[in-house]
Amino acid sequence: DKALKKELWQDGWTMYYPGGVDDPEYTVLM
């Protein structure tokens, strides 16, 4: 769910996921 991934996103995470919330390496586990 892109909306949930966006809701959880933290700005400082760009150091791990340079492409931001749409970075293909950004995975959220629930």
Full PDB file with SEQRES, HELIX, SHEET, SSBOND, CRYST1, ORIGX, SCALE, CONECT and MASTER records, all heavy atoms in Angstrom:
SEQRES   1 A   30  ASP LYS ALA LEU LYS LYS GLU LEU TRP GLN ASP GLY TRP          
SEQRES   2 A   30  THR MET TYR TYR PRO GLY GLY VAL ASP ASP PRO GLU TYR          
SEQRES   3 A   30  THR VAL LEU MET                                              
HELIX    1 AA1 LYS A    2  LEU A    8  1                                   7    
HELIX    2 AA2 ASP A   11  MET A   15  5                                   5    
HELIX    3 AA3 GLY A   20  ASP A   22  5                                   3    
CRYST1    1.000    1.000    1.000  90.00  90.00  90.00 P 1           1          
ORIGX1      1.000000  0.000000  0.000000        0.00000                         
ORIGX2      0.000000  1.000000  0.000000        0.00000                         
ORIGX3      0.000000  0.000000  1.000000        0.00000                         
SCALE1      1.000000  0.000000  0.000000        0.00000                         
SCALE2      0.000000  1.000000  0.000000        0.00000                         
SCALE3      0.000000  0.000000  1.000000        0.00000                         
ATOM      1  N   ASP A   1       0.842  -1.195   0.000  1.00  0.00           N  
ATOM      2  CA  ASP A   1       0.000   0.000   0.000  1.00  0.00           C  
ATOM      3  C   ASP A   1       0.878   1.245   0.000  1.00  0.00           C  
ATOM      4  O   ASP A   1       1.533   1.565   0.993  1.00  0.00           O  
ATOM      5  CB  ASP A   1      -0.901  -0.041   1.230  1.00  0.00           C  
ATOM      6  CG  ASP A   1      -1.844   1.147   1.340  1.00  0.00           C  
ATOM      7  OD1 ASP A   1      -1.583   2.195   0.719  1.00  0.00           O  
ATOM      8  OD2 ASP A   1      -2.841   1.020   2.064  1.00  0.00           O  
ATOM      9  N   LYS A   2       0.899   1.964  -1.124  1.00  0.00           N  
ATOM     10  CA  LYS A   2       1.754   3.158  -1.252  1.00  0.00           C  
ATOM     11  C   LYS A   2       1.389   4.240  -0.240  1.00  0.00           C  
ATOM     12  O   LYS A   2       2.270   4.929   0.271  1.00  0.00           O  
ATOM     13  CB  LYS A   2       1.691   3.720  -2.677  1.00  0.00           C  
ATOM     14  CG  LYS A   2       2.496   2.942  -3.658  1.00  0.00           C  
ATOM     15  CD  LYS A   2       2.590   3.703  -4.970  1.00  0.00           C  
ATOM     16  CE  LYS A   2       3.795   3.182  -5.721  1.00  0.00           C  
ATOM     17  NZ  LYS A   2       4.364   4.157  -6.612  1.00  0.00           N  
ATOM     18  N   ALA A   3       0.112   4.387   0.057  1.00  0.00           N  
ATOM     19  CA  ALA A   3      -0.310   5.418   1.012  1.00  0.00           C  
ATOM     20  C   ALA A   3       0.245   5.111   2.400  1.00  0.00           C  
ATOM     21  O   ALA A   3       0.720   6.016   3.100  1.00  0.00           O  
ATOM     22  CB  ALA A   3      -1.829   5.516   1.054  1.00  0.00           C  
ATOM     23  N   LEU A   4       0.225   3.849   2.816  1.00  0.00           N  
ATOM     24  CA  LEU A   4       0.766   3.478   4.117  1.00  0.00           C  
ATOM     25  C   LEU A   4       2.280   3.642   4.145  1.00  0.00           C  
ATOM     26  O   LEU A   4       2.835   4.154   5.108  1.00  0.00           O  
ATOM     27  CB  LEU A   4       0.368   2.040   4.474  1.00  0.00           C  
ATOM     28  CG  LEU A   4       0.874   1.525   5.818  1.00  0.00           C  
ATOM     29  CD1 LEU A   4       0.453   2.436   6.973  1.00  0.00           C  
ATOM     30  CD2 LEU A   4       0.372   0.096   6.057  1.00  0.00           C  
ATOM     31  N   LYS A   5       2.952   3.249   3.073  1.00  0.00           N  
ATOM     32  CA  LYS A   5       4.406   3.421   3.004  1.00  0.00           C  
ATOM     33  C   LYS A   5       4.771   4.904   3.108  1.00  0.00           C  
ATOM     34  O   LYS A   5       5.726   5.269   3.789  1.00  0.00           O  
ATOM     35  CB  LYS A   5       4.958   2.817   1.710  1.00  0.00           C  
ATOM     36  CG  LYS A   5       4.919   1.292   1.688  1.00  0.00           C  
ATOM     37  CD  LYS A   5       5.373   0.727   0.368  1.00  0.00           C  
ATOM     38  CE  LYS A   5       6.866   0.855   0.221  1.00  0.00           C  
ATOM     39  NZ  LYS A   5       7.387   0.108  -0.941  1.00  0.00           N  
ATOM     40  N   LYS A   6       3.982   5.746   2.460  1.00  0.00           N  
ATOM     41  CA  LYS A   6       4.213   7.195   2.522  1.00  0.00           C  
ATOM     42  C   LYS A   6       3.947   7.730   3.925  1.00  0.00           C  
ATOM     43  O   LYS A   6       4.682   8.567   4.436  1.00  0.00           O  
ATOM     44  CB  LYS A   6       3.340   7.912   1.487  1.00  0.00           C  
ATOM     45  CG  LYS A   6       3.641   9.376   1.357  1.00  0.00           C  
ATOM     46  CD  LYS A   6       2.853  10.012   0.223  1.00  0.00           C  
ATOM     47  CE  LYS A   6       3.244  11.470   0.086  1.00  0.00           C  
ATOM     48  NZ  LYS A   6       2.548  12.124  -1.021  1.00  0.00           N  
ATOM     49  N   GLU A   7       2.896   7.231   4.569  1.00  0.00           N  
ATOM     50  CA  GLU A   7       2.549   7.657   5.927  1.00  0.00           C  
ATOM     51  C   GLU A   7       3.677   7.325   6.919  1.00  0.00           C  
ATOM     52  O   GLU A   7       3.957   8.087   7.833  1.00  0.00           O  
ATOM     53  CB  GLU A   7       1.267   6.959   6.361  1.00  0.00           C  
ATOM     54  CG  GLU A   7       0.804   7.282   7.758  1.00  0.00           C  
ATOM     55  CD  GLU A   7      -0.428   6.490   8.157  1.00  0.00           C  
ATOM     56  OE1 GLU A   7      -1.174   6.022   7.276  1.00  0.00           O  
ATOM     57  OE2 GLU A   7      -0.643   6.345   9.370  1.00  0.00           O  
ATOM     58  N   LEU A   8       4.324   6.195   6.729  1.00  0.00           N  
ATOM     59  CA  LEU A   8       5.392   5.756   7.629  1.00  0.00           C  
ATOM     60  C   LEU A   8       6.743   6.385   7.311  1.00  0.00           C  
ATOM     61  O   LEU A   8       7.653   6.363   8.140  1.00  0.00           O  
ATOM     62  CB  LEU A   8       5.515   4.227   7.571  1.00  0.00           C  
ATOM     63  CG  LEU A   8       4.287   3.462   8.056  1.00  0.00           C  
ATOM     64  CD1 LEU A   8       4.424   1.986   7.719  1.00  0.00           C  
ATOM     65  CD2 LEU A   8       4.071   3.664   9.541  1.00  0.00           C  
ATOM     66  N   TRP A   9       6.904   6.934   6.129  1.00  0.00           N  
ATOM     67  CA  TRP A   9       8.183   7.466   5.658  1.00  0.00           C  
ATOM     68  C   TRP A   9       8.735   8.550   6.582  1.00  0.00           C  
ATOM     69  O   TRP A   9       8.006   9.421   7.053  1.00  0.00           O  
ATOM     70  CB  TRP A   9       8.039   8.021   4.242  1.00  0.00           C  
ATOM     71  CG  TRP A   9       9.306   8.622   3.737  1.00  0.00           C  
ATOM     72  CD1 TRP A   9       9.623   9.954   3.686  1.00  0.00           C  
ATOM     73  CD2 TRP A   9      10.436   7.918   3.253  1.00  0.00           C  
ATOM     74  NE1 TRP A   9      10.882  10.114   3.188  1.00  0.00           N  
ATOM     75  CE2 TRP A   9      11.416   8.871   2.916  1.00  0.00           C  
ATOM     76  CE3 TRP A   9      10.744   6.574   3.078  1.00  0.00           C  
ATOM     77  CZ2 TRP A   9      12.662   8.527   2.403  1.00  0.00           C  
ATOM     78  CZ3 TRP A   9      11.979   6.224   2.566  1.00  0.00           C  
ATOM     79  CH2 TRP A   9      12.917   7.199   2.238  1.00  0.00           C  
ATOM     80  N   GLN A  10      10.047   8.486   6.832  1.00  0.00           N  
ATOM     81  CA  GLN A  10      10.760   9.502   7.614  1.00  0.00           C  
ATOM     82  C   GLN A  10      11.797  10.159   6.707  1.00  0.00           C  
ATOM     83  O   GLN A  10      12.538   9.463   6.005  1.00  0.00           O  
ATOM     84  CB  GLN A  10      11.483   8.853   8.802  1.00  0.00           C  
ATOM     85  CG  GLN A  10      10.570   8.091   9.742  1.00  0.00           C  
ATOM     86  CD  GLN A  10       9.676   9.025  10.534  1.00  0.00           C  
ATOM     87  OE1 GLN A  10      10.130  10.012  11.100  1.00  0.00           O  
ATOM     88  NE2 GLN A  10       8.396   8.708  10.574  1.00  0.00           N  
ATOM     89  N   ASP A  11      11.889  11.496   6.734  1.00  0.00           N  
ATOM     90  CA  ASP A  11      12.795  12.215   5.838  1.00  0.00           C  
ATOM     91  C   ASP A  11      14.246  11.753   5.944  1.00  0.00           C  
ATOM     92  O   ASP A  11      14.951  11.694   4.953  1.00  0.00           O  
ATOM     93  CB  ASP A  11      12.705  13.725   6.093  1.00  0.00           C  
ATOM     94  CG  ASP A  11      11.384  14.308   5.624  1.00  0.00           C  
ATOM     95  OD1 ASP A  11      10.759  13.719   4.706  1.00  0.00           O  
ATOM     96  OD2 ASP A  11      10.977  15.338   6.171  1.00  0.00           O  
ATOM     97  N   GLY A  12      14.700  11.407   7.136  1.00  0.00           N  
ATOM     98  CA  GLY A  12      16.084  10.985   7.324  1.00  0.00           C  
ATOM     99  C   GLY A  12      16.424   9.667   6.646  1.00  0.00           C  
ATOM    100  O   GLY A  12      17.601   9.311   6.512  1.00  0.00           O  
ATOM    101  N   TRP A  13      15.423   8.943   6.200  1.00  0.00           N  
ATOM    102  CA  TRP A  13      15.673   7.648   5.573  1.00  0.00           C  
ATOM    103  C   TRP A  13      16.256   7.757   4.175  1.00  0.00           C  
ATOM    104  O   TRP A  13      16.640   6.752   3.582  1.00  0.00           O  
ATOM    105  CB  TRP A  13      14.398   6.815   5.542  1.00  0.00           C  
ATOM    106  CG  TRP A  13      13.953   6.360   6.898  1.00  0.00           C  
ATOM    107  CD1 TRP A  13      14.642   6.449   8.076  1.00  0.00           C  
ATOM    108  CD2 TRP A  13      12.714   5.745   7.220  1.00  0.00           C  
ATOM    109  NE1 TRP A  13      13.908   5.933   9.107  1.00  0.00           N  
ATOM    110  CE2 TRP A  13      12.718   5.489   8.617  1.00  0.00           C  
ATOM    111  CE3 TRP A  13      11.601   5.389   6.479  1.00  0.00           C  
ATOM    112  CZ2 TRP A  13      11.657   4.890   9.265  1.00  0.00           C  
ATOM    113  CZ3 TRP A  13      10.537   4.794   7.132  1.00  0.00           C  
ATOM    114  CH2 TRP A  13      10.572   4.547   8.502  1.00  0.00           C  
ATOM    115  N   THR A  14      16.334   8.974   3.629  1.00  0.00           N  
ATOM    116  CA  THR A  14      16.918   9.117   2.290  1.00  0.00           C  
ATOM    117  C   THR A  14      18.389   8.683   2.275  1.00  0.00           C  
ATOM    118  O   THR A  14      18.909   8.355   1.218  1.00  0.00           O  
ATOM    119  CB  THR A  14      16.797  10.565   1.764  1.00  0.00           C  
ATOM    120  OG1 THR A  14      17.372  11.457   2.718  1.00  0.00           O  
ATOM    121  CG2 THR A  14      15.362  10.922   1.467  1.00  0.00           C  
ATOM    122  N   MET A  15      19.029   8.636   3.438  1.00  0.00           N  
ATOM    123  CA  MET A  15      20.413   8.137   3.475  1.00  0.00           C  
ATOM    124  C   MET A  15      20.457   6.636   3.163  1.00  0.00           C  
ATOM    125  O   MET A  15      21.462   6.128   2.696  1.00  0.00           O  
ATOM    126  CB  MET A  15      21.080   8.445   4.816  1.00  0.00           C  
ATOM    127  CG  MET A  15      20.493   7.699   6.000  1.00  0.00           C  
ATOM    128  SD  MET A  15      21.149   8.202   7.618  1.00  0.00           S  
ATOM    129  CE  MET A  15      22.857   7.822   7.473  1.00  0.00           C  
ATOM    130  N   TYR A  16      19.361   5.919   3.423  1.00  0.00           N  
ATOM    131  CA  TYR A  16      19.269   4.489   3.115  1.00  0.00           C  
ATOM    132  C   TYR A  16      18.553   4.241   1.788  1.00  0.00           C  
ATOM    133  O   TYR A  16      18.823   3.263   1.096  1.00  0.00           O  
ATOM    134  CB  TYR A  16      18.506   3.747   4.217  1.00  0.00           C  
ATOM    135  CG  TYR A  16      19.066   3.992   5.597  1.00  0.00           C  
ATOM    136  CD1 TYR A  16      18.363   4.749   6.518  1.00  0.00           C  
ATOM    137  CD2 TYR A  16      20.306   3.483   5.967  1.00  0.00           C  
ATOM    138  CE1 TYR A  16      18.877   4.987   7.777  1.00  0.00           C  
ATOM    139  CE2 TYR A  16      20.830   3.719   7.227  1.00  0.00           C  
ATOM    140  CZ  TYR A  16      20.106   4.465   8.126  1.00  0.00           C  
ATOM    141  OH  TYR A  16      20.618   4.712   9.379  1.00  0.00           O  
ATOM    142  N   TYR A  17      17.584   5.103   1.498  1.00  0.00           N  
ATOM    143  CA  TYR A  17      16.754   4.966   0.303  1.00  0.00           C  
ATOM    144  C   TYR A  17      16.774   6.301  -0.444  1.00  0.00           C  
ATOM    145  O   TYR A  17      15.862   7.121  -0.302  1.00  0.00           O  
ATOM    146  CB  TYR A  17      15.318   4.589   0.686  1.00  0.00           C  
ATOM    147  CG  TYR A  17      15.240   3.449   1.682  1.00  0.00           C  
ATOM    148  CD1 TYR A  17      14.857   3.671   3.007  1.00  0.00           C  
ATOM    149  CD2 TYR A  17      15.579   2.150   1.307  1.00  0.00           C  
ATOM    150  CE1 TYR A  17      14.800   2.635   3.916  1.00  0.00           C  
ATOM    151  CE2 TYR A  17      15.526   1.107   2.213  1.00  0.00           C  
ATOM    152  CZ  TYR A  17      15.140   1.355   3.522  1.00  0.00           C  
ATOM    153  OH  TYR A  17      15.091   0.327   4.427  1.00  0.00           O  
ATOM    154  N   PRO A  18      17.831   6.556  -1.240  1.00  0.00           N  
ATOM    155  CA  PRO A  18      17.985   7.857  -1.899  1.00  0.00           C  
ATOM    156  C   PRO A  18      16.817   8.245  -2.803  1.00  0.00           C  
ATOM    157  O   PRO A  18      16.570   9.422  -3.020  1.00  0.00           O  
ATOM    158  CB  PRO A  18      19.264   7.707  -2.719  1.00  0.00           C  
ATOM    159  CG  PRO A  18      19.966   6.513  -2.167  1.00  0.00           C  
ATOM    160  CD  PRO A  18      18.930   5.651  -1.521  1.00  0.00           C  
ATOM    161  N   GLY A  19      16.077   7.257  -3.280  1.00  0.00           N  
ATOM    162  CA  GLY A  19      14.932   7.542  -4.142  1.00  0.00           C  
ATOM    163  C   GLY A  19      13.679   7.899  -3.380  1.00  0.00           C  
ATOM    164  O   GLY A  19      12.606   8.045  -3.974  1.00  0.00           O  
ATOM    165  N   GLY A  20      13.805   8.036  -2.061  1.00  0.00           N  
ATOM    166  CA  GLY A  20      12.663   8.407  -1.238  1.00  0.00           C  
ATOM    167  C   GLY A  20      11.650   7.282  -1.119  1.00  0.00           C  
ATOM    168  O   GLY A  20      11.976   6.102  -1.265  1.00  0.00           O  
ATOM    169  N   VAL A  21      10.417   7.658  -0.890  1.00  0.00           N  
ATOM    170  CA  VAL A  21       9.354   6.686  -0.646  1.00  0.00           C  
ATOM    171  C   VAL A  21       9.144   5.759  -1.854  1.00  0.00           C  
ATOM    172  O   VAL A  21       8.647   4.642  -1.696  1.00  0.00           O  
ATOM    173  CB  VAL A  21       8.051   7.401  -0.229  1.00  0.00           C  
ATOM    174  CG1 VAL A  21       7.423   8.118  -1.401  1.00  0.00           C  
ATOM    175  CG2 VAL A  21       7.077   6.448   0.420  1.00  0.00           C  
ATOM    176  N   ASP A  22       9.546   6.179  -3.040  1.00  0.00           N  
ATOM    177  CA  ASP A  22       9.403   5.355  -4.240  1.00  0.00           C  
ATOM    178  C   ASP A  22      10.650   4.544  -4.563  1.00  0.00           C  
ATOM    179  O   ASP A  22      10.684   3.858  -5.589  1.00  0.00           O  
ATOM    180  CB  ASP A  22       9.029   6.233  -5.435  1.00  0.00           C  
ATOM    181  CG  ASP A  22       7.643   6.854  -5.278  1.00  0.00           C  
ATOM    182  OD1 ASP A  22       6.723   6.139  -4.825  1.00  0.00           O  
ATOM    183  OD2 ASP A  22       7.493   8.050  -5.587  1.00  0.00           O  
ATOM    184  N   ASP A  23      11.670   4.618  -3.715  1.00  0.00           N  
ATOM    185  CA  ASP A  23      12.900   3.856  -3.943  1.00  0.00           C  
ATOM    186  C   ASP A  23      12.556   2.358  -3.963  1.00  0.00           C  
ATOM    187  O   ASP A  23      11.884   1.863  -3.054  1.00  0.00           O  
ATOM    188  CB  ASP A  23      13.898   4.148  -2.824  1.00  0.00           C  
ATOM    189  CG  ASP A  23      15.289   3.639  -3.120  1.00  0.00           C  
ATOM    190  OD1 ASP A  23      15.421   2.439  -3.443  1.00  0.00           O  
ATOM    191  OD2 ASP A  23      16.243   4.425  -3.014  1.00  0.00           O  
ATOM    192  N   PRO A  24      12.991   1.625  -4.975  1.00  0.00           N  
ATOM    193  CA  PRO A  24      12.666   0.197  -5.043  1.00  0.00           C  
ATOM    194  C   PRO A  24      13.255  -0.634  -3.900  1.00  0.00           C  
ATOM    195  O   PRO A  24      12.792  -1.737  -3.633  1.00  0.00           O  
ATOM    196  CB  PRO A  24      13.228  -0.246  -6.390  1.00  0.00           C  
ATOM    197  CG  PRO A  24      14.142   0.826  -6.832  1.00  0.00           C  
ATOM    198  CD  PRO A  24      13.747   2.084  -6.123  1.00  0.00           C  
ATOM    199  N   GLU A  25      14.235  -0.100  -3.184  1.00  0.00           N  
ATOM    200  CA  GLU A  25      14.818  -0.817  -2.053  1.00  0.00           C  
ATOM    201  C   GLU A  25      14.049  -0.586  -0.747  1.00  0.00           C  
ATOM    202  O   GLU A  25      14.291  -1.266   0.244  1.00  0.00           O  
ATOM    203  CB  GLU A  25      16.279  -0.416  -1.844  1.00  0.00           C  
ATOM    204  CG  GLU A  25      17.252  -1.163  -2.729  1.00  0.00           C  
ATOM    205  CD  GLU A  25      17.260  -2.660  -2.452  1.00  0.00           C  
ATOM    206  OE1 GLU A  25      17.538  -3.077  -1.310  1.00  0.00           O  
ATOM    207  OE2 GLU A  25      16.979  -3.423  -3.390  1.00  0.00           O  
ATOM    208  N   TYR A  26      13.136   0.375  -0.738  1.00  0.00           N  
ATOM    209  CA  TYR A  26      12.359   0.690   0.462  1.00  0.00           C  
ATOM    210  C   TYR A  26      11.213  -0.305   0.601  1.00  0.00           C  
ATOM    211  O   TYR A  26      10.247  -0.280  -0.159  1.00  0.00           O  
ATOM    212  CB  TYR A  26      11.826   2.120   0.376  1.00  0.00           C  
ATOM    213  CG  TYR A  26      10.847   2.543   1.447  1.00  0.00           C  
ATOM    214  CD1 TYR A  26      11.152   2.413   2.801  1.00  0.00           C  
ATOM    215  CD2 TYR A  26       9.619   3.099   1.111  1.00  0.00           C  
ATOM    216  CE1 TYR A  26      10.241   2.808   3.780  1.00  0.00           C  
ATOM    217  CE2 TYR A  26       8.716   3.512   2.075  1.00  0.00           C  
ATOM    218  CZ  TYR A  26       9.031   3.358   3.408  1.00  0.00           C  
ATOM    219  OH  TYR A  26       8.138   3.758   4.376  1.00  0.00           O  
ATOM    220  N   THR A  27      11.333  -1.189   1.568  1.00  0.00           N  
ATOM    221  CA  THR A  27      10.296  -2.170   1.857  1.00  0.00           C  
ATOM    222  C   THR A  27       9.811  -1.969   3.284  1.00  0.00           C  
ATOM    223  O   THR A  27      10.616  -1.787   4.199  1.00  0.00           O  
ATOM    224  CB  THR A  27      10.827  -3.607   1.673  1.00  0.00           C  
ATOM    225  OG1 THR A  27      11.070  -3.819   0.287  1.00  0.00           O  
ATOM    226  CG2 THR A  27       9.826  -4.643   2.152  1.00  0.00           C  
ATOM    227  N   VAL A  28       8.507  -2.003   3.459  1.00  0.00           N  
ATOM    228  CA  VAL A  28       7.898  -1.926   4.780  1.00  0.00           C  
ATOM    229  C   VAL A  28       7.310  -3.294   5.100  1.00  0.00           C  
ATOM    230  O   VAL A  28       6.625  -3.903   4.265  1.00  0.00           O  
ATOM    231  CB  VAL A  28       6.796  -0.841   4.830  1.00  0.00           C  
ATOM    232  CG1 VAL A  28       6.046  -0.880   6.159  1.00  0.00           C  
ATOM    233  CG2 VAL A  28       7.401   0.536   4.610  1.00  0.00           C  
ATOM    234  N   LEU A  29       7.612  -3.768   6.299  1.00  0.00           N  
ATOM    235  CA  LEU A  29       7.087  -5.034   6.793  1.00  0.00           C  
ATOM    236  C   LEU A  29       6.118  -4.747   7.935  1.00  0.00           C  
ATOM    237  O   LEU A  29       6.402  -3.895   8.777  1.00  0.00           O  
ATOM    238  CB  LEU A  29       8.223  -5.925   7.297  1.00  0.00           C  
ATOM    239  CG  LEU A  29       9.329  -6.226   6.297  1.00  0.00           C  
ATOM    240  CD1 LEU A  29      10.474  -6.965   6.993  1.00  0.00           C  
ATOM    241  CD2 LEU A  29       8.801  -7.017   5.121  1.00  0.00           C  
ATOM    242  N   MET A  30       4.995  -5.441   7.951  1.00  0.00           N  
ATOM    243  CA  MET A  30       3.993  -5.254   9.001  1.00  0.00           C  
ATOM    244  C   MET A  30       3.842  -6.566   9.772  1.00  0.00           C  
ATOM    245  O   MET A  30       3.496  -7.597   9.203  1.00  0.00           O  
ATOM    246  CB  MET A  30       2.652  -4.853   8.398  1.00  0.00           C  
ATOM    247  CG  MET A  30       1.555  -4.656   9.426  1.00  0.00           C  
ATOM    248  SD  MET A  30      -0.007  -4.083   8.699  1.00  0.00           S  
ATOM    249  CE  MET A  30      -0.513  -5.520   7.762  1.00  0.00           C  
TER     250      MET A  30                                                      
MASTER        0    0    0    3    0    0    0    6  249    1    0    3          
END                                                                             
